[in-house]
């Protein structure tokens, strides 16, 4: 059987990776790009004491792949964890949006859950 992949389909899905990524309300049929979002953030996410902490953030990816508009939807309640989550998104290199996607920005909701780290 096929292993689950992070962010499959148009709106994202629960994956086997560090996080779930969603693009609610936007038709975005590029699962490879969504998987890359998870991969890029996971490469930079190194919480020191994650415990059972979780956070959910929102940001936009611009056409050129840069990030803007970062904000917390749900804070973990732990300043160091939240700072690490924000830093992971800010350090990620998403790459340009796919040519087939005609909008200039992609709204992204990203859920951090270190329990999913392997």
N, C-alpha and C. Protein backbone atom coordinates (compact mmCIF):
# COMPACT_ATOMS: atom_id res chain seq x y z
N UNK A 1 0.84 -1.19 0.00
CA UNK A 1 0.00 0.00 0.00
C UNK A 1 0.87 1.24 0.00
N UNK A 2 0.34 2.29 -0.59
CA UNK A 2 1.08 3.54 -0.74
C UNK A 2 1.10 4.31 0.59
N UNK A 3 2.27 4.80 0.96
CA UNK A 3 2.39 5.60 2.19
C UNK A 3 1.69 6.93 2.01
N UNK A 4 1.09 7.46 3.07
CA UNK A 4 0.44 8.76 2.95
C UNK A 4 1.46 9.85 2.65
N UNK A 5 1.06 10.83 1.87
CA UNK A 5 1.93 11.95 1.57
C UNK A 5 1.32 13.21 2.14
N UNK A 6 2.16 14.10 2.55
CA UNK A 6 1.69 15.37 3.10
C UNK A 6 1.09 16.21 1.99
N UNK A 7 -0.05 16.76 2.26
CA UNK A 7 -0.66 17.75 1.40
C UNK A 7 -1.03 17.23 0.01
N UNK A 8 -1.67 16.10 -0.05
CA UNK A 8 -2.11 15.64 -1.35
C UNK A 8 -3.45 16.26 -1.68
N UNK A 9 -3.71 16.45 -2.94
CA UNK A 9 -4.98 17.01 -3.38
C UNK A 9 -4.97 18.53 -3.42
N UNK A 10 -6.11 19.07 -3.75
CA UNK A 10 -6.21 20.52 -3.97
C UNK A 10 -6.13 21.34 -2.70
N UNK A 11 -6.70 20.84 -1.60
CA UNK A 11 -6.74 21.66 -0.40
C UNK A 11 -5.79 21.18 0.68
N UNK A 12 -5.01 20.17 0.39
CA UNK A 12 -4.10 19.66 1.40
C UNK A 12 -4.75 18.57 2.20
N UNK A 13 -3.96 17.89 2.97
CA UNK A 13 -4.44 16.73 3.66
C UNK A 13 -3.48 16.44 4.80
N UNK A 14 -3.92 15.63 5.75
CA UNK A 14 -3.02 15.22 6.81
C UNK A 14 -1.98 14.31 6.21
N UNK A 15 -0.75 14.56 6.50
CA UNK A 15 0.31 13.76 5.92
C UNK A 15 1.11 13.04 6.97
N UNK A 16 2.15 12.42 6.53
CA UNK A 16 3.03 11.68 7.43
C UNK A 16 4.21 12.52 7.86
N UNK A 17 4.21 13.78 7.54
CA UNK A 17 5.32 14.66 7.81
C UNK A 17 5.07 15.49 9.05
N UNK A 18 5.89 16.52 9.24
CA UNK A 18 5.83 17.36 10.42
C UNK A 18 4.55 18.17 10.50
N UNK A 19 3.87 18.38 9.42
CA UNK A 19 2.79 19.35 9.43
C UNK A 19 1.72 19.02 8.41
N UNK A 20 0.65 19.71 8.54
CA UNK A 20 -0.41 19.70 7.54
C UNK A 20 -0.43 21.08 6.92
N UNK A 21 -0.52 21.11 5.61
CA UNK A 21 -0.59 22.37 4.90
C UNK A 21 -1.91 22.42 4.16
N UNK A 22 -2.58 23.58 4.24
CA UNK A 22 -3.88 23.74 3.59
C UNK A 22 -3.90 25.02 2.77
N UNK A 23 -4.66 24.98 1.70
CA UNK A 23 -4.89 26.17 0.87
C UNK A 23 -6.39 26.34 0.71
N UNK A 24 -7.07 26.50 1.81
CA UNK A 24 -8.53 26.54 1.82
C UNK A 24 -9.08 27.64 0.93
N UNK A 25 -10.09 27.29 0.17
CA UNK A 25 -10.77 28.26 -0.67
C UNK A 25 -10.07 28.55 -1.99
N UNK A 26 -8.94 27.92 -2.22
CA UNK A 26 -8.17 28.14 -3.44
C UNK A 26 -8.01 26.80 -4.16
N UNK A 27 -8.33 26.78 -5.44
CA UNK A 27 -8.07 25.58 -6.22
C UNK A 27 -6.58 25.56 -6.55
N UNK A 28 -5.88 24.57 -6.01
CA UNK A 28 -4.43 24.49 -6.19
C UNK A 28 -4.04 23.03 -6.43
N UNK A 29 -4.21 22.55 -7.66
CA UNK A 29 -3.97 21.13 -7.96
C UNK A 29 -2.49 20.82 -8.23
N UNK A 30 -1.62 21.20 -7.30
CA UNK A 30 -0.19 20.99 -7.45
C UNK A 30 0.36 20.33 -6.18
N UNK A 31 0.06 19.05 -5.97
CA UNK A 31 0.47 18.39 -4.71
C UNK A 31 1.97 18.38 -4.51
N UNK A 32 2.76 18.34 -5.58
CA UNK A 32 4.21 18.38 -5.43
C UNK A 32 4.69 19.68 -4.81
N UNK A 33 4.06 20.80 -5.18
CA UNK A 33 4.43 22.09 -4.61
C UNK A 33 4.05 22.14 -3.13
N UNK A 34 2.88 21.59 -2.80
CA UNK A 34 2.46 21.56 -1.40
C UNK A 34 3.40 20.68 -0.57
N UNK A 35 3.82 19.56 -1.12
CA UNK A 35 4.77 18.70 -0.41
C UNK A 35 6.09 19.44 -0.21
N UNK A 36 6.49 20.26 -1.18
CA UNK A 36 7.71 21.03 -1.04
C UNK A 36 7.59 22.07 0.07
N UNK A 37 6.41 22.66 0.24
CA UNK A 37 6.21 23.61 1.35
C UNK A 37 6.50 22.89 2.67
N UNK A 38 5.93 21.71 2.84
CA UNK A 38 6.15 20.94 4.07
C UNK A 38 7.63 20.61 4.23
N UNK A 39 8.24 20.15 3.17
CA UNK A 39 9.66 19.76 3.20
C UNK A 39 10.55 20.96 3.57
N UNK A 40 10.31 22.11 2.95
CA UNK A 40 11.14 23.28 3.20
C UNK A 40 11.01 23.78 4.64
N UNK A 41 9.79 23.79 5.16
CA UNK A 41 9.60 24.24 6.54
C UNK A 41 10.20 23.21 7.50
N UNK A 42 9.99 21.93 7.24
CA UNK A 42 10.51 20.88 8.12
C UNK A 42 12.03 20.91 8.20
N UNK A 43 12.69 21.25 7.11
CA UNK A 43 14.15 21.33 7.11
C UNK A 43 14.67 22.37 8.10
N UNK A 44 13.87 23.39 8.36
CA UNK A 44 14.28 24.50 9.23
C UNK A 44 13.67 24.47 10.62
N UNK A 45 12.81 23.50 10.89
CA UNK A 45 12.08 23.46 12.16
C UNK A 45 12.79 22.52 13.13
N UNK A 46 13.44 23.10 14.13
CA UNK A 46 14.20 22.33 15.10
C UNK A 46 13.89 22.79 16.53
N UNK A 47 12.68 22.50 17.01
CA UNK A 47 12.35 22.93 18.38
C UNK A 47 13.21 22.17 19.40
N UNK A 48 13.65 22.86 20.44
CA UNK A 48 14.52 22.24 21.44
C UNK A 48 13.75 21.33 22.38
N UNK A 49 12.59 21.73 22.80
CA UNK A 49 11.79 20.96 23.75
C UNK A 49 10.34 20.94 23.29
N UNK A 50 10.00 20.21 22.22
CA UNK A 50 8.67 20.32 21.65
C UNK A 50 7.56 19.76 22.53
N UNK A 51 7.82 18.68 23.27
CA UNK A 51 6.76 18.09 24.07
C UNK A 51 5.52 17.86 23.24
N UNK A 52 4.39 18.27 23.75
CA UNK A 52 3.12 18.11 23.05
C UNK A 52 2.66 19.44 22.44
N UNK A 53 3.60 20.35 22.21
CA UNK A 53 3.24 21.67 21.70
C UNK A 53 2.83 21.60 20.23
N UNK A 54 1.88 22.46 19.89
CA UNK A 54 1.41 22.58 18.51
C UNK A 54 1.12 24.05 18.25
N UNK A 55 1.23 24.44 16.99
CA UNK A 55 0.89 25.80 16.59
C UNK A 55 0.36 25.76 15.16
N UNK A 56 -0.45 26.74 14.82
CA UNK A 56 -0.96 26.86 13.45
C UNK A 56 -0.70 28.29 12.99
N UNK A 57 -0.15 28.40 11.78
CA UNK A 57 0.21 29.71 11.25
C UNK A 57 -0.41 29.91 9.87
N UNK A 58 -0.45 31.17 9.46
CA UNK A 58 -0.96 31.53 8.14
C UNK A 58 0.05 32.46 7.48
N UNK A 59 0.23 32.30 6.18
CA UNK A 59 1.10 33.20 5.43
C UNK A 59 0.74 33.10 3.95
N UNK A 60 1.28 34.02 3.18
CA UNK A 60 1.11 34.01 1.73
C UNK A 60 2.43 33.67 1.08
N UNK A 61 2.36 32.94 -0.02
CA UNK A 61 3.53 32.75 -0.87
C UNK A 61 3.27 33.57 -2.12
N UNK A 62 4.19 34.46 -2.44
CA UNK A 62 4.07 35.30 -3.64
C UNK A 62 4.49 34.51 -4.87
N UNK A 63 4.16 35.04 -6.03
CA UNK A 63 4.48 34.42 -7.31
C UNK A 63 5.96 34.02 -7.39
N UNK A 64 6.87 34.86 -6.86
CA UNK A 64 8.31 34.58 -6.93
C UNK A 64 8.79 33.59 -5.88
N UNK A 65 7.88 33.10 -5.02
CA UNK A 65 8.23 32.14 -3.99
C UNK A 65 8.55 32.74 -2.64
N UNK A 66 8.56 34.06 -2.55
CA UNK A 66 8.83 34.70 -1.27
C UNK A 66 7.58 34.64 -0.39
N UNK A 67 7.80 34.78 0.92
CA UNK A 67 6.72 34.68 1.89
C UNK A 67 6.39 36.07 2.43
N UNK A 68 5.11 36.32 2.71
CA UNK A 68 4.67 37.57 3.30
C UNK A 68 3.44 37.30 4.17
N UNK A 69 3.13 38.23 5.04
CA UNK A 69 1.88 38.18 5.81
C UNK A 69 1.82 37.11 6.88
N UNK A 70 2.95 36.73 7.44
CA UNK A 70 2.98 35.69 8.47
C UNK A 70 2.20 36.13 9.70
N UNK A 71 1.37 35.21 10.22
CA UNK A 71 0.69 35.45 11.50
C UNK A 71 0.32 34.12 12.13
N UNK A 72 0.19 34.12 13.43
CA UNK A 72 -0.25 32.91 14.14
C UNK A 72 -1.76 32.84 14.15
N UNK A 73 -2.29 31.69 13.82
CA UNK A 73 -3.71 31.42 14.00
C UNK A 73 -3.90 30.91 15.42
N UNK A 74 -3.04 29.96 15.80
CA UNK A 74 -3.03 29.42 17.16
C UNK A 74 -1.60 29.33 17.64
N UNK A 75 -1.31 30.01 18.72
CA UNK A 75 0.02 29.95 19.32
C UNK A 75 0.13 28.68 20.17
N UNK A 76 1.33 28.19 20.33
CA UNK A 76 1.56 27.03 21.19
C UNK A 76 1.49 27.42 22.66
N UNK A 77 1.66 28.72 22.93
CA UNK A 77 1.74 29.19 24.31
C UNK A 77 3.16 29.19 24.84
N UNK A 78 4.10 28.74 24.01
CA UNK A 78 5.51 28.69 24.38
C UNK A 78 6.29 29.59 23.43
N UNK A 79 6.88 30.64 23.96
CA UNK A 79 7.54 31.63 23.12
C UNK A 79 8.64 31.02 22.25
N UNK A 80 9.48 30.16 22.83
CA UNK A 80 10.60 29.57 22.08
C UNK A 80 10.09 28.69 20.93
N UNK A 81 9.07 27.90 21.19
CA UNK A 81 8.50 27.04 20.14
C UNK A 81 7.91 27.90 19.02
N UNK A 82 7.14 28.92 19.39
CA UNK A 82 6.54 29.79 18.38
C UNK A 82 7.60 30.52 17.56
N UNK A 83 8.64 30.97 18.21
CA UNK A 83 9.73 31.64 17.51
C UNK A 83 10.40 30.68 16.52
N UNK A 84 10.58 29.44 16.92
CA UNK A 84 11.17 28.42 16.05
C UNK A 84 10.25 28.15 14.85
N UNK A 85 8.95 28.08 15.08
CA UNK A 85 7.99 27.87 14.00
C UNK A 85 8.03 29.03 13.00
N UNK A 86 8.02 30.25 13.52
CA UNK A 86 8.08 31.43 12.64
C UNK A 86 9.39 31.45 11.86
N UNK A 87 10.48 31.16 12.53
CA UNK A 87 11.78 31.15 11.87
C UNK A 87 11.86 30.10 10.77
N UNK A 88 11.23 28.95 10.99
CA UNK A 88 11.24 27.88 9.99
C UNK A 88 10.52 28.31 8.72
N UNK A 89 9.40 29.02 8.87
CA UNK A 89 8.66 29.51 7.70
C UNK A 89 9.47 30.60 7.00
N UNK A 90 10.03 31.52 7.77
CA UNK A 90 10.77 32.63 7.18
C UNK A 90 12.04 32.16 6.47
N UNK A 91 12.65 31.08 6.92
CA UNK A 91 13.88 30.57 6.31
C UNK A 91 13.61 29.65 5.12
N UNK A 92 12.39 29.20 4.95
CA UNK A 92 12.05 28.26 3.87
C UNK A 92 12.22 28.91 2.50
N UNK A 93 12.63 28.11 1.54
CA UNK A 93 12.77 28.55 0.15
C UNK A 93 11.79 27.75 -0.68
N UNK A 94 10.61 28.32 -0.90
CA UNK A 94 9.52 27.60 -1.54
C UNK A 94 9.68 27.47 -3.05
N UNK A 95 10.33 28.42 -3.66
CA UNK A 95 10.44 28.44 -5.11
C UNK A 95 9.21 29.12 -5.71
N UNK A 96 9.30 29.55 -6.96
CA UNK A 96 8.18 30.24 -7.61
C UNK A 96 6.93 29.37 -7.66
N UNK A 97 5.78 30.03 -7.61
CA UNK A 97 4.51 29.30 -7.76
C UNK A 97 4.46 28.64 -9.13
N UNK A 98 3.78 27.51 -9.25
CA UNK A 98 3.70 26.82 -10.55
C UNK A 98 3.10 27.71 -11.64
N UNK A 99 3.60 27.56 -12.86
CA UNK A 99 3.11 28.35 -13.99
C UNK A 99 1.62 28.19 -14.21
N UNK A 100 1.09 26.99 -13.93
CA UNK A 100 -0.33 26.73 -14.14
C UNK A 100 -1.24 27.39 -13.12
N UNK A 101 -0.67 27.95 -12.06
CA UNK A 101 -1.44 28.65 -11.04
C UNK A 101 -1.45 30.13 -11.42
N UNK A 102 -2.63 30.69 -11.68
CA UNK A 102 -2.71 32.03 -12.25
C UNK A 102 -2.76 33.16 -11.23
N UNK A 103 -3.05 32.86 -9.96
CA UNK A 103 -3.09 33.92 -8.94
C UNK A 103 -1.67 34.38 -8.60
N UNK A 104 -1.56 35.60 -8.08
CA UNK A 104 -0.25 36.16 -7.72
C UNK A 104 0.23 35.73 -6.34
N UNK A 105 -0.69 35.25 -5.50
CA UNK A 105 -0.32 34.78 -4.17
C UNK A 105 -1.07 33.50 -3.84
N UNK A 106 -0.46 32.69 -2.98
CA UNK A 106 -1.08 31.47 -2.48
C UNK A 106 -1.22 31.60 -0.97
N UNK A 107 -2.46 31.62 -0.44
CA UNK A 107 -2.63 31.64 1.01
C UNK A 107 -2.41 30.24 1.57
N UNK A 108 -1.61 30.16 2.63
CA UNK A 108 -1.24 28.86 3.20
C UNK A 108 -1.53 28.86 4.70
N UNK A 109 -2.16 27.79 5.16
CA UNK A 109 -2.32 27.52 6.58
C UNK A 109 -1.44 26.31 6.89
N UNK A 110 -0.57 26.44 7.86
CA UNK A 110 0.42 25.42 8.17
C UNK A 110 0.32 25.05 9.63
N UNK A 111 0.15 23.77 9.93
CA UNK A 111 0.03 23.29 11.31
C UNK A 111 1.31 22.59 11.73
N UNK A 112 1.94 23.09 12.78
CA UNK A 112 3.14 22.48 13.33
C UNK A 112 2.75 21.45 14.37
N UNK A 113 3.25 20.23 14.23
CA UNK A 113 3.01 19.16 15.17
C UNK A 113 4.28 18.30 15.23
N UNK A 114 5.18 18.58 16.16
CA UNK A 114 6.45 17.86 16.23
C UNK A 114 6.29 16.36 16.47
N UNK A 115 5.15 15.92 16.96
CA UNK A 115 4.94 14.49 17.16
C UNK A 115 5.00 13.73 15.84
N UNK A 116 4.84 14.42 14.74
CA UNK A 116 4.90 13.79 13.43
C UNK A 116 6.31 13.73 12.85
N UNK A 117 7.27 14.32 13.55
CA UNK A 117 8.65 14.24 13.09
C UNK A 117 9.12 12.81 13.21
N UNK A 118 9.88 12.37 12.22
CA UNK A 118 10.42 11.00 12.28
C UNK A 118 11.86 11.03 12.66
